[in-house]
Amino acid sequence: MEIWGDKLYYNLNYFLRQKFGEKVFKISLDAGFSCPNRDGTISSGGCIFCSARGSGDFAGNRNFSITKQFEDIKGVMNKKWKNGKYIAYFQAYTNTYASVDVLEEKYQEAINQEGVVALAIATRPDCINEEVIELLKRINKRKYVWVELGLQTSNEATAKLINRGYSLDCFEKAVYALEEACIDIVVHTIIGLPGEDKQDVLNTVAYLNNFNIAGIKFHLLHLMKDTPMVKLYETGKFRFLEMDEYIDILCSAIKLLRNNIVIHRLTGDAPRNTIIGPLWSLKKWEVLNAIDNTLRDNGWYQGLDFSTNK
């Protein structure tokens, strides 16, 4: 049984401490970008679960410069933790969806902040092109870079239902291009999507095991006010997972996941003033502790079932 620090899965904190030798904090930024799934290029509705802030509900204020956002959030963090380095995380909306000149200006401003050791960029696979990759390659020579792709599911029928706006072929093309450029890839998945069950989640993990990805984020599906998904919920098209259901599915996914893939997230966050459910998710530390306890009590760990996927 392999242990990563005090966890039974390859966790982000362990990875960052091994790579940088100290605690590293994420500074979430909003660079003011849009999304082709919102501005009419692909769709005007966006993914049906996505909040009004483009999944950047805890990012900085887009009306402020990157520098001011960084300093404001850093100041809050420094009240809790005095020492550490920082990841400049472009979180809100689609962060490769602009001209390369604009992207470079934003990225350079972020990585020039004192204490920044890495750049993380959340985007869509259909917004990865040769110019963007060349820019990322240049920056990766100065600072460690990873790119986050929002796959959510490998089920194409679910992808259409949630209005993801691209196919698995598009995702794979972006993964191969980033891999060739030696840019690490982190993939977002969601547990609890409408119409999906445990096997759908495991199918997505099995699918991702086939690619050279560096990390994964497991999100619990949150229903937030003023999102298109509210109508599905109100008409009984899906239900919230109970906490024990979520933990069972997640632990099975962890067991199946290849053990060299860093797990960046095990649940998810949503603002208290916008979340409709599941409300048990607001007790984040209780959920995380229950995940750890379930793994430990059953002798489970990341990669335990990976051989079944070969």
C-alpha atoms as a PDB file:
ATOM      1  CA  MET A   1       0.000   0.000   0.000  1.00  0.00           C
ATOM      2  CA  GLU A   2       1.406   3.363  -1.030  1.00  0.00           C
ATOM      3  CA  ILE A   3       0.914   6.442   1.165  1.00  0.00           C
ATOM      4  CA  TRP A   4       1.374  10.018  -0.021  1.00  0.00           C
ATOM      5  CA  GLY A   5       2.187  11.946   3.129  1.00  0.00           C
ATOM      6  CA  ASP A   6      -0.710  11.109   5.419  1.00  0.00           C
ATOM      7  CA  LYS A   7      -3.145  10.290   2.590  1.00  0.00           C
ATOM      8  CA  LEU A   8      -4.027   7.151   0.677  1.00  0.00           C
ATOM      9  CA  TYR A   9      -4.169   9.043  -2.595  1.00  0.00           C
ATOM     10  CA  TYR A  10      -1.680  11.183  -4.514  1.00  0.00           C
ATOM     11  CA  ASN A  11      -2.868  14.528  -3.196  1.00  0.00           C
ATOM     12  CA  LEU A  12      -1.999  17.993  -4.467  1.00  0.00           C
ATOM     13  CA  ASN A  13      -0.459  19.197  -1.217  1.00  0.00           C
ATOM     14  CA  TYR A  14       1.985  16.263  -1.242  1.00  0.00           C
ATOM     15  CA  PHE A  15       2.859  16.858  -4.909  1.00  0.00           C
ATOM     16  CA  LEU A  16       3.513  20.576  -4.406  1.00  0.00           C
ATOM     17  CA  ARG A  17       5.626  20.062  -1.302  1.00  0.00           C
ATOM     18  CA  GLN A  18       7.693  17.468  -3.141  1.00  0.00           C
ATOM     19  CA  LYS A  19       8.142  19.767  -6.131  1.00  0.00           C
ATOM     20  CA  PHE A  20       8.763  23.088  -4.361  1.00  0.00           C
ATOM     21  CA  GLY A  21       9.899  22.030  -0.899  1.00  0.00           C
ATOM     22  CA  GLU A  22       7.314  24.056   1.012  1.00  0.00           C
ATOM     23  CA  LYS A  23       3.624  24.905   1.280  1.00  0.00           C
ATOM     24  CA  VAL A  24       2.164  26.368  -1.910  1.00  0.00           C
ATOM     25  CA  PHE A  25      -1.122  28.315  -2.068  1.00  0.00           C
ATOM     26  CA  LYS A  26      -3.411  28.935  -4.998  1.00  0.00           C
ATOM     27  CA  ILE A  27      -4.408  32.514  -5.857  1.00  0.00           C
ATOM     28  CA  SER A  28      -7.592  32.394  -7.980  1.00  0.00           C
ATOM     29  CA  LEU A  29      -7.810  35.160 -10.576  1.00  0.00           C
ATOM     30  CA  ASP A  30     -10.443  36.508 -12.966  1.00  0.00           C
ATOM     31  CA  ALA A  31      -8.774  37.968 -16.046  1.00  0.00           C
ATOM     32  CA  GLY A  32     -12.018  39.263 -17.544  1.00  0.00           C
ATOM     33  CA  PHE A  33     -12.298  36.673 -20.319  1.00  0.00           C
ATOM     34  CA  SER A  34     -15.505  35.219 -21.740  1.00  0.00           C
ATOM     35  CA  CYS A  35     -16.321  31.744 -23.049  1.00  0.00           C
ATOM     36  CA  PRO A  36     -17.261  30.545 -26.561  1.00  0.00           C
ATOM     37  CA  ASN A  37     -20.024  28.519 -24.959  1.00  0.00           C
ATOM     38  CA  ARG A  38     -21.562  31.733 -23.648  1.00  0.00           C
ATOM     39  CA  ASP A  39     -20.897  34.455 -26.221  1.00  0.00           C
ATOM     40  CA  GLY A  40     -22.689  32.734 -29.094  1.00  0.00           C
ATOM     41  CA  THR A  41     -19.642  31.262 -30.824  1.00  0.00           C
ATOM     42  CA  ILE A  42     -20.742  27.777 -29.765  1.00  0.00           C
ATOM     43  CA  SER A  43     -23.746  28.542 -27.584  1.00  0.00           C
ATOM     44  CA  SER A  44     -25.195  31.370 -25.536  1.00  0.00           C
ATOM     45  CA  GLY A  45     -26.265  29.248 -22.586  1.00  0.00           C
ATOM     46  CA  GLY A  46     -22.984  27.827 -21.343  1.00  0.00           C
ATOM     47  CA  CYS A  47     -22.702  24.498 -19.570  1.00  0.00           C
ATOM     48  CA  ILE A  48     -25.949  24.032 -17.656  1.00  0.00           C
ATOM     49  CA  PHE A  49     -24.220  23.755 -14.267  1.00  0.00           C
ATOM     50  CA  CYS A  50     -21.905  26.745 -14.684  1.00  0.00           C
ATOM     51  CA  SER A  51     -22.447  29.741 -12.415  1.00  0.00           C
ATOM     52  CA  ALA A  52     -22.781  33.343 -13.548  1.00  0.00           C
ATOM     53  CA  ARG A  53     -19.120  33.855 -12.695  1.00  0.00           C
ATOM     54  CA  GLY A  54     -17.941  31.109 -14.995  1.00  0.00           C
ATOM     55  CA  SER A  55     -16.931  28.750 -12.172  1.00  0.00           C
ATOM     56  CA  GLY A  56     -14.825  31.528 -10.709  1.00  0.00           C
ATOM     57  CA  ASP A  57     -17.015  32.228  -7.701  1.00  0.00           C
ATOM     58  CA  PHE A  58     -14.015  32.405  -5.389  1.00  0.00           C
ATOM     59  CA  ALA A  59     -11.709  34.215  -7.808  1.00  0.00           C
ATOM     60  CA  GLY A  60     -10.696  37.852  -7.601  1.00  0.00           C
ATOM     61  CA  ASN A  61     -12.728  40.798  -8.845  1.00  0.00           C
ATOM     62  CA  ARG A  62     -12.439  41.092 -12.626  1.00  0.00           C
ATOM     63  CA  ASN A  63     -12.789  44.861 -12.361  1.00  0.00           C
ATOM     64  CA  PHE A  64      -9.347  44.965 -10.735  1.00  0.00           C
ATOM     65  CA  SER A  65      -5.960  44.346 -12.281  1.00  0.00           C
ATOM     66  CA  ILE A  66      -4.267  40.973 -11.949  1.00  0.00           C
ATOM     67  CA  THR A  67      -1.782  42.573  -9.549  1.00  0.00           C
ATOM     68  CA  LYS A  68      -4.477  43.999  -7.261  1.00  0.00           C
ATOM     69  CA  GLN A  69      -6.460  40.752  -7.259  1.00  0.00           C
ATOM     70  CA  PHE A  70      -3.300  38.865  -6.389  1.00  0.00           C
ATOM     71  CA  GLU A  71      -2.342  41.201  -3.555  1.00  0.00           C
ATOM     72  CA  ASP A  72      -5.879  41.259  -2.112  1.00  0.00           C
ATOM     73  CA  ILE A  73      -6.173  37.469  -1.973  1.00  0.00           C
ATOM     74  CA  LYS A  74      -2.597  37.017  -0.822  1.00  0.00           C
ATOM     75  CA  GLY A  75      -3.295  39.420   2.055  1.00  0.00           C
ATOM     76  CA  VAL A  76      -6.227  37.311   3.218  1.00  0.00           C
ATOM     77  CA  MET A  77      -4.182  34.105   3.029  1.00  0.00           C
ATOM     78  CA  ASN A  78      -1.268  35.589   4.896  1.00  0.00           C
ATOM     79  CA  LYS A  79      -3.516  36.135   7.899  1.00  0.00           C
ATOM     80  CA  LYS A  80      -3.847  32.345   8.201  1.00  0.00           C
ATOM     81  CA  TRP A  81      -0.522  31.134   6.819  1.00  0.00           C
ATOM     82  CA  LYS A  82       2.603  33.251   7.135  1.00  0.00           C
ATOM     83  CA  ASN A  83       4.930  31.297   4.874  1.00  0.00           C
ATOM     84  CA  GLY A  84       4.636  29.715   1.457  1.00  0.00           C
ATOM     85  CA  LYS A  85       4.751  30.201  -2.291  1.00  0.00           C
ATOM     86  CA  TYR A  86       1.932  30.817  -4.741  1.00  0.00           C
ATOM     87  CA  ILE A  87       0.245  29.464  -7.847  1.00  0.00           C
ATOM     88  CA  ALA A  88      -1.346  32.086 -10.075  1.00  0.00           C
ATOM     89  CA  TYR A  89      -4.592  30.343 -11.038  1.00  0.00           C
ATOM     90  CA  PHE A  90      -6.638  31.766 -13.915  1.00  0.00           C
ATOM     91  CA  GLN A  91      -9.938  30.212 -12.904  1.00  0.00           C
ATOM     92  CA  ALA A  92     -12.977  32.123 -14.167  1.00  0.00           C
ATOM     93  CA  TYR A  93     -14.450  31.402 -17.610  1.00  0.00           C
ATOM     94  CA  THR A  94     -12.124  30.288 -20.461  1.00  0.00           C
ATOM     95  CA  ASN A  95      -8.583  31.491 -19.918  1.00  0.00           C
ATOM     96  CA  THR A  96      -7.106  30.869 -23.337  1.00  0.00           C
ATOM     97  CA  TYR A  97     -10.022  32.598 -25.081  1.00  0.00           C
ATOM     98  CA  ALA A  98      -8.361  35.831 -26.201  1.00  0.00           C
ATOM     99  CA  SER A  99      -5.588  36.976 -28.506  1.00  0.00           C
ATOM    100  CA  VAL A 100      -2.146  35.646 -27.671  1.00  0.00           C
ATOM    101  CA  ASP A 101      -0.946  39.192 -26.974  1.00  0.00           C
ATOM    102  CA  VAL A 102      -3.649  39.680 -24.353  1.00  0.00           C
ATOM    103  CA  LEU A 103      -3.018  36.265 -22.848  1.00  0.00           C
ATOM    104  CA  GLU A 104       0.704  36.893 -22.602  1.00  0.00           C
ATOM    105  CA  GLU A 105       0.170  40.240 -20.919  1.00  0.00           C
ATOM    106  CA  LYS A 106      -2.129  38.713 -18.287  1.00  0.00           C
ATOM    107  CA  TYR A 107       0.008  35.631 -17.686  1.00  0.00           C
ATOM    108  CA  GLN A 108       3.239  37.622 -17.408  1.00  0.00           C
ATOM    109  CA  GLU A 109       1.680  40.044 -14.921  1.00  0.00           C
ATOM    110  CA  ALA A 110       0.644  37.069 -12.802  1.00  0.00           C
ATOM    111  CA  ILE A 111       3.919  35.159 -12.821  1.00  0.00           C
ATOM    112  CA  ASN A 112       5.877  38.332 -12.085  1.00  0.00           C
ATOM    113  CA  GLN A 113       4.192  38.613  -8.682  1.00  0.00           C
ATOM    114  CA  GLU A 114       6.511  37.940  -5.784  1.00  0.00           C
ATOM    115  CA  GLY A 115       6.487  34.338  -4.615  1.00  0.00           C
ATOM    116  CA  VAL A 116       4.741  32.852  -7.668  1.00  0.00           C
ATOM    117  CA  VAL A 117       6.214  29.461  -8.584  1.00  0.00           C
ATOM    118  CA  ALA A 118       3.556  28.177 -11.001  1.00  0.00           C
ATOM    119  CA  LEU A 119       0.841  29.175 -13.435  1.00  0.00           C
ATOM    120  CA  ALA A 120      -2.439  27.229 -13.682  1.00  0.00           C
ATOM    121  CA  ILE A 121      -4.876  27.930 -16.512  1.00  0.00           C
ATOM    122  CA  ALA A 122      -8.461  26.679 -16.644  1.00  0.00           C
ATOM    123  CA  THR A 123      -9.809  26.475 -20.180  1.00  0.00           C
ATOM    124  CA  ARG A 124     -11.647  24.406 -22.794  1.00  0.00           C
ATOM    125  CA  PRO A 125     -10.003  21.958 -25.207  1.00  0.00           C
ATOM    126  CA  ASP A 126     -11.569  23.762 -28.161  1.00  0.00           C
ATOM    127  CA  CYS A 127      -9.660  26.892 -27.124  1.00  0.00           C
ATOM    128  CA  ILE A 128      -6.232  25.274 -27.374  1.00  0.00           C
ATOM    129  CA  ASN A 129      -4.379  26.135 -30.580  1.00  0.00           C
ATOM    130  CA  GLU A 130      -0.796  26.304 -31.837  1.00  0.00           C
ATOM    131  CA  GLU A 131      -0.307  29.945 -30.837  1.00  0.00           C
ATOM    132  CA  VAL A 132      -1.552  29.301 -27.306  1.00  0.00           C
ATOM    133  CA  ILE A 133       0.686  26.249 -26.983  1.00  0.00           C
ATOM    134  CA  GLU A 134       3.757  28.172 -28.152  1.00  0.00           C
ATOM    135  CA  LEU A 135       3.021  30.835 -25.532  1.00  0.00           C
ATOM    136  CA  LEU A 136       2.631  28.220 -22.803  1.00  0.00           C
ATOM    137  CA  LYS A 137       5.890  26.546 -23.842  1.00  0.00           C
ATOM    138  CA  ARG A 138       7.737  29.861 -23.454  1.00  0.00           C
ATOM    139  CA  ILE A 139       6.262  30.500 -20.030  1.00  0.00           C
ATOM    140  CA  ASN A 140       6.887  26.915 -18.941  1.00  0.00           C
ATOM    141  CA  LYS A 141      10.614  27.593 -19.325  1.00  0.00           C
ATOM    142  CA  ARG A 142      10.303  30.261 -16.595  1.00  0.00           C
ATOM    143  CA  LYS A 143       7.589  28.850 -14.330  1.00  0.00           C
ATOM    144  CA  TYR A 144       5.874  25.525 -13.966  1.00  0.00           C
ATOM    145  CA  VAL A 145       2.647  25.542 -16.018  1.00  0.00           C
ATOM    146  CA  TRP A 146      -0.363  23.271 -15.983  1.00  0.00           C
ATOM    147  CA  VAL A 147      -3.560  23.525 -18.044  1.00  0.00           C
ATOM    148  CA  GLU A 148      -6.960  22.459 -16.713  1.00  0.00           C
ATOM    149  CA  LEU A 149      -9.498  21.023 -19.163  1.00  0.00           C
ATOM    150  CA  GLY A 150     -13.158  20.686 -18.217  1.00  0.00           C
ATOM    151  CA  LEU A 151     -14.110  17.271 -19.542  1.00  0.00           C
ATOM    152  CA  GLN A 152     -16.710  16.512 -16.812  1.00  0.00           C
ATOM    153  CA  THR A 153     -17.655  13.147 -18.360  1.00  0.00           C
ATOM    154  CA  SER A 154     -16.640  10.714 -21.102  1.00  0.00           C
ATOM    155  CA  ASN A 155     -20.308   9.997 -21.807  1.00  0.00           C
ATOM    156  CA  GLU A 156     -21.172  11.834 -25.026  1.00  0.00           C
ATOM    157  CA  ALA A 157     -24.910  11.720 -24.322  1.00  0.00           C
ATOM    158  CA  THR A 158     -24.385  13.423 -20.956  1.00  0.00           C
ATOM    159  CA  ALA A 159     -22.048  15.934 -22.615  1.00  0.00           C
ATOM    160  CA  LYS A 160     -24.885  16.967 -24.940  1.00  0.00           C
ATOM    161  CA  LEU A 161     -27.333  17.199 -22.042  1.00  0.00           C
ATOM    162  CA  ILE A 162     -25.043  19.522 -20.063  1.00  0.00           C
ATOM    163  CA  ASN A 163     -24.278  21.552 -23.200  1.00  0.00           C
ATOM    164  CA  ARG A 164     -20.524  20.982 -22.964  1.00  0.00           C
ATOM    165  CA  GLY A 165     -20.141  22.043 -26.579  1.00  0.00           C
ATOM    166  CA  TYR A 166     -17.328  19.786 -27.797  1.00  0.00           C
ATOM    167  CA  SER A 167     -16.680  16.102 -28.529  1.00  0.00           C
ATOM    168  CA  LEU A 168     -14.237  13.599 -27.080  1.00  0.00           C
ATOM    169  CA  ASP A 169     -12.223  13.891 -30.305  1.00  0.00           C
ATOM    170  CA  CYS A 170     -11.679  17.581 -29.544  1.00  0.00           C
ATOM    171  CA  PHE A 171     -10.601  16.765 -25.991  1.00  0.00           C
ATOM    172  CA  GLU A 172      -8.149  14.119 -27.179  1.00  0.00           C
ATOM    173  CA  LYS A 173      -6.643  16.440 -29.783  1.00  0.00           C
ATOM    174  CA  ALA A 174      -5.961  19.072 -27.101  1.00  0.00           C
ATOM    175  CA  VAL A 175      -4.493  16.480 -24.724  1.00  0.00           C
ATOM    176  CA  TYR A 176      -2.090  15.166 -27.348  1.00  0.00           C
ATOM    177  CA  ALA A 177      -1.028  18.685 -28.367  1.00  0.00           C
ATOM    178  CA  LEU A 178      -0.344  19.744 -24.776  1.00  0.00           C
ATOM    179  CA  GLU A 179       1.461  16.488 -24.047  1.00  0.00           C
ATOM    180  CA  GLU A 180       3.716  16.975 -27.069  1.00  0.00           C
ATOM    181  CA  ALA A 181       4.526  20.461 -25.763  1.00  0.00           C
ATOM    182  CA  CYS A 182       5.398  19.016 -22.308  1.00  0.00           C
ATOM    183  CA  ILE A 183       2.600  20.978 -20.637  1.00  0.00           C
ATOM    184  CA  ASP A 184       0.990  19.154 -17.710  1.00  0.00           C
ATOM    185  CA  ILE A 185      -2.747  18.531 -17.993  1.00  0.00           C
ATOM    186  CA  VAL A 186      -5.324  18.462 -15.196  1.00  0.00           C
ATOM    187  CA  VAL A 187      -8.817  17.216 -16.070  1.00  0.00           C
ATOM    188  CA  HIS A 188     -12.072  18.237 -14.360  1.00  0.00           C
ATOM    189  CA  THR A 189     -14.735  15.580 -13.803  1.00  0.00           C
ATOM    190  CA  ILE A 190     -18.135  15.877 -12.108  1.00  0.00           C
ATOM    191  CA  ILE A 191     -19.828  13.202 -10.010  1.00  0.00           C
ATOM    192  CA  GLY A 192     -23.621  13.348  -9.871  1.00  0.00           C
ATOM    193  CA  LEU A 193     -24.417  14.662 -13.347  1.00  0.00           C
ATOM    194  CA  PRO A 194     -28.044  14.226 -14.512  1.00  0.00           C
ATOM    195  CA  GLY A 195     -28.657  10.706 -15.802  1.00  0.00           C
ATOM    196  CA  GLU A 196     -25.285   9.348 -14.688  1.00  0.00           C
ATOM    197  CA  ASP A 197     -24.634   6.576 -12.192  1.00  0.00           C
ATOM    198  CA  LYS A 198     -21.562   5.081 -10.542  1.00  0.00           C
ATOM    199  CA  GLN A 199     -20.565   3.138 -13.645  1.00  0.00           C
ATOM    200  CA  ASP A 200     -20.573   6.302 -15.765  1.00  0.00           C
ATOM    201  CA  VAL A 201     -18.093   7.887 -13.353  1.00  0.00           C
ATOM    202  CA  LEU A 202     -15.867   4.804 -13.413  1.00  0.00           C
ATOM    203  CA  ASN A 203     -16.037   4.773 -17.212  1.00  0.00           C
ATOM    204  CA  THR A 204     -14.753   8.352 -17.231  1.00  0.00           C
ATOM    205  CA  VAL A 205     -11.863   7.432 -14.919  1.00  0.00           C
ATOM    206  CA  ALA A 206     -11.028   4.388 -17.039  1.00  0.00           C
ATOM    207  CA  TYR A 207     -11.063   6.599 -20.121  1.00  0.00           C
ATOM    208  CA  LEU A 208      -8.690   9.118 -18.528  1.00  0.00           C
ATOM    209  CA  ASN A 209      -6.319   6.384 -17.376  1.00  0.00           C
ATOM    210  CA  ASN A 210      -5.465   5.912 -21.053  1.00  0.00           C
ATOM    211  CA  PHE A 211      -3.949   9.385 -21.372  1.00  0.00           C
ATOM    212  CA  ASN A 212      -0.780  10.948 -20.045  1.00  0.00           C
ATOM    213  CA  ILE A 213      -2.544  13.414 -17.756  1.00  0.00           C
ATOM    214  CA  ALA A 214      -0.828  14.792 -14.674  1.00  0.00           C
ATOM    215  CA  GLY A 215      -3.848  15.528 -12.504  1.00  0.00           C
ATOM    216  CA  ILE A 216      -7.575  15.237 -11.986  1.00  0.00           C
ATOM    217  CA  LYS A 217     -10.250  17.157 -10.122  1.00  0.00           C
ATOM    218  CA  PHE A 218     -13.280  15.297  -8.803  1.00  0.00           C
ATOM    219  CA  HIS A 219     -16.168  17.719  -8.341  1.00  0.00           C
ATOM    220  CA  LEU A 220     -19.465  17.039  -6.642  1.00  0.00           C
ATOM    221  CA  LEU A 221     -22.279  18.396  -8.771  1.00  0.00           C
ATOM    222  CA  HIS A 222     -23.655  21.551  -7.172  1.00  0.00           C
ATOM    223  CA  LEU A 223     -26.916  23.135  -8.177  1.00  0.00           C
ATOM    224  CA  MET A 224     -26.682  26.896  -7.998  1.00  0.00           C
ATOM    225  CA  LYS A 225     -29.320  29.555  -8.409  1.00  0.00           C
ATOM    226  CA  ASP A 226     -29.866  31.092 -11.844  1.00  0.00           C
ATOM    227  CA  THR A 227     -28.221  28.236 -13.752  1.00  0.00           C
ATOM    228  CA  PRO A 228     -29.995  26.373 -16.596  1.00  0.00           C
ATOM    229  CA  MET A 229     -29.805  23.151 -14.594  1.00  0.00           C
ATOM    230  CA  VAL A 230     -32.363  24.474 -12.100  1.00  0.00           C
ATOM    231  CA  LYS A 231     -35.165  23.652 -14.552  1.00  0.00           C
ATOM    232  CA  LEU A 232     -34.047  20.020 -14.742  1.00  0.00           C
ATOM    233  CA  TYR A 233     -34.095  19.769 -10.968  1.00  0.00           C
ATOM    234  CA  GLU A 234     -37.488  21.436 -10.605  1.00  0.00           C
ATOM    235  CA  THR A 235     -39.005  19.038 -13.144  1.00  0.00           C
ATOM    236  CA  GLY A 236     -37.556  15.998 -11.389  1.00  0.00           C
ATOM    237  CA  LYS A 237     -34.998  15.147 -14.079  1.00  0.00           C
ATOM    238  CA  PHE A 238     -32.278  14.490 -11.512  1.00  0.00           C
ATOM    239  CA  ARG A 239     -31.703  14.296  -7.792  1.00  0.00           C
ATOM    240  CA  PHE A 240     -28.844  15.177  -5.469  1.00  0.00           C
ATOM    241  CA  LEU A 241     -26.518  12.439  -4.320  1.00  0.00           C
ATOM    242  CA  GLU A 242     -26.525  11.672  -0.620  1.00  0.00           C
ATOM    243  CA  MET A 243     -23.199  12.046   1.135  1.00  0.00           C
ATOM    244  CA  ASP A 244     -22.671   8.294   1.542  1.00  0.00           C
ATOM    245  CA  GLU A 245     -23.460   7.728  -2.148  1.00  0.00           C
ATOM    246  CA  TYR A 246     -20.941  10.340  -3.185  1.00  0.00           C
ATOM    247  CA  ILE A 247     -18.215   8.893  -0.980  1.00  0.00           C
ATOM    248  CA  ASP A 248     -18.867   5.377  -2.291  1.00  0.00           C
ATOM    249  CA  ILE A 249     -18.591   6.512  -5.914  1.00  0.00           C
ATOM    250  CA  LEU A 250     -15.567   8.705  -5.251  1.00  0.00           C
ATOM    251  CA  CYS A 251     -13.643   6.021  -3.362  1.00  0.00           C
ATOM    252  CA  SER A 252     -14.293   3.558  -6.183  1.00  0.00           C
ATOM    253  CA  ALA A 253     -12.989   6.154  -8.638  1.00  0.00           C
ATOM    254  CA  ILE A 254      -9.853   6.691  -6.530  1.00  0.00           C
ATOM    255  CA  LYS A 255      -9.188   2.944  -6.443  1.00  0.00           C
ATOM    256  CA  LEU A 256      -9.481   2.758 -10.226  1.00  0.00           C
ATOM    257  CA  LEU A 257      -7.361   5.839 -10.924  1.00  0.00           C
ATOM    258  CA  ARG A 258      -3.765   5.322 -12.047  1.00  0.00           C
ATOM    259  CA  ASN A 259      -1.518   6.052  -9.066  1.00  0.00           C
ATOM    260  CA  ASN A 260       0.725   8.605 -10.784  1.00  0.00           C
ATOM    261  CA  ILE A 261      -2.152  11.023 -11.407  1.00  0.00           C
ATOM    262  CA  VAL A 262      -2.320  13.786  -8.804  1.00  0.00           C
ATOM    263  CA  ILE A 263      -5.768  14.306  -7.281  1.00  0.00           C
ATOM    264  CA  HIS A 264      -6.255  18.067  -7.047  1.00  0.00           C
ATOM    265  CA  ARG A 265      -9.758  18.005  -5.602  1.00  0.00           C
ATOM    266  CA  LEU A 266     -12.104  15.504  -3.938  1.00  0.00           C
ATOM    267  CA  THR A 267     -15.322  17.475  -3.721  1.00  0.00           C
ATOM    268  CA  GLY A 268     -16.114  21.100  -4.565  1.00  0.00           C
ATOM    269  CA  ASP A 269     -17.137  24.473  -3.249  1.00  0.00           C
ATOM    270  CA  ALA A 270     -20.132  26.684  -3.887  1.00  0.00           C
ATOM    271  CA  PRO A 271     -21.054  29.996  -2.282  1.00  0.00           C
ATOM    272  CA  ARG A 272     -23.591  29.618   0.519  1.00  0.00           C
ATOM    273  CA  ASN A 273     -25.752  32.371  -0.914  1.00  0.00           C
ATOM    274  CA  THR A 274     -26.131  30.686  -4.325  1.00  0.00           C
ATOM    275  CA  ILE A 275     -26.176  26.948  -3.646  1.00  0.00           C
ATOM    276  CA  ILE A 276     -29.474  25.076  -3.806  1.00  0.00           C
ATOM    277  CA  GLY A 277     -28.022  21.656  -3.053  1.00  0.00           C
ATOM    278  CA  PRO A 278     -26.743  19.295  -1.915  1.00  0.00           C
ATOM    279  CA  LEU A 279     -26.432  21.252   1.320  1.00  0.00           C
ATOM    280  CA  TRP A 280     -24.386  18.567   3.069  1.00  0.00           C
ATOM    281  CA  SER A 281     -21.504  19.623   0.811  1.00  0.00           C
ATOM    282  CA  LEU A 282     -21.147  22.847   2.796  1.00  0.00           C
ATOM    283  CA  LYS A 283     -19.615  20.776   5.617  1.00  0.00           C
ATOM    284  CA  LYS A 284     -16.450  20.364   3.564  1.00  0.00           C
ATOM    285  CA  TRP A 285     -14.094  19.106   6.282  1.00  0.00           C
ATOM    286  CA  GLU A 286     -16.655  16.591   7.448  1.00  0.00           C
ATOM    287  CA  VAL A 287     -16.868  15.249   3.892  1.00  0.00           C
ATOM    288  CA  LEU A 288     -13.091  15.124   3.440  1.00  0.00           C
ATOM    289  CA  ASN A 289     -12.622  13.354   6.768  1.00  0.00           C
ATOM    290  CA  ALA A 290     -15.290  10.811   5.841  1.00  0.00           C
ATOM    291  CA  ILE A 291     -13.486  10.115   2.553  1.00  0.00           C
ATOM    292  CA  ASP A 292     -10.189   9.548   4.376  1.00  0.00           C
ATOM    293  CA  ASN A 293     -11.869   7.318   6.959  1.00  0.00           C
ATOM    294  CA  THR A 294     -13.626   5.226   4.301  1.00  0.00           C
ATOM    295  CA  LEU A 295     -10.385   4.596   2.447  1.00  0.00           C
ATOM    296  CA  ARG A 296      -8.466   3.756   5.604  1.00  0.00           C
ATOM    297  CA  ASP A 297     -11.141   1.551   7.196  1.00  0.00           C
ATOM    298  CA  ASN A 298     -11.458  -0.552   4.051  1.00  0.00           C
ATOM    299  CA  GLY A 299      -7.753  -0.751   3.223  1.00  0.00           C
ATOM    300  CA  TRP A 300      -8.345   1.098  -0.051  1.00  0.00           C
ATOM    301  CA  TYR A 301      -5.887   3.367  -1.841  1.00  0.00           C
ATOM    302  CA  GLN A 302      -5.364   5.033  -5.198  1.00  0.00           C
ATOM    303  CA  GLY A 303      -4.628   2.556  -7.975  1.00  0.00           C
ATOM    304  CA  LEU A 304      -5.786  -0.517  -6.049  1.00  0.00           C
ATOM    305  CA  ASP A 305      -8.133  -1.510  -8.895  1.00  0.00           C
ATOM    306  CA  PHE A 306      -6.127  -0.045 -11.760  1.00  0.00           C
ATOM    307  CA  SER A 307      -5.048  -3.462 -13.000  1.00  0.00           C
ATOM    308  CA  THR A 308      -8.687  -4.237 -13.803  1.00  0.00           C
ATOM    309  CA  ASN A 309      -8.563  -1.406 -16.358  1.00  0.00           C
ATOM    310  CA  LYS A 310      -5.675  -2.888 -18.358  1.00  0.00           C
END
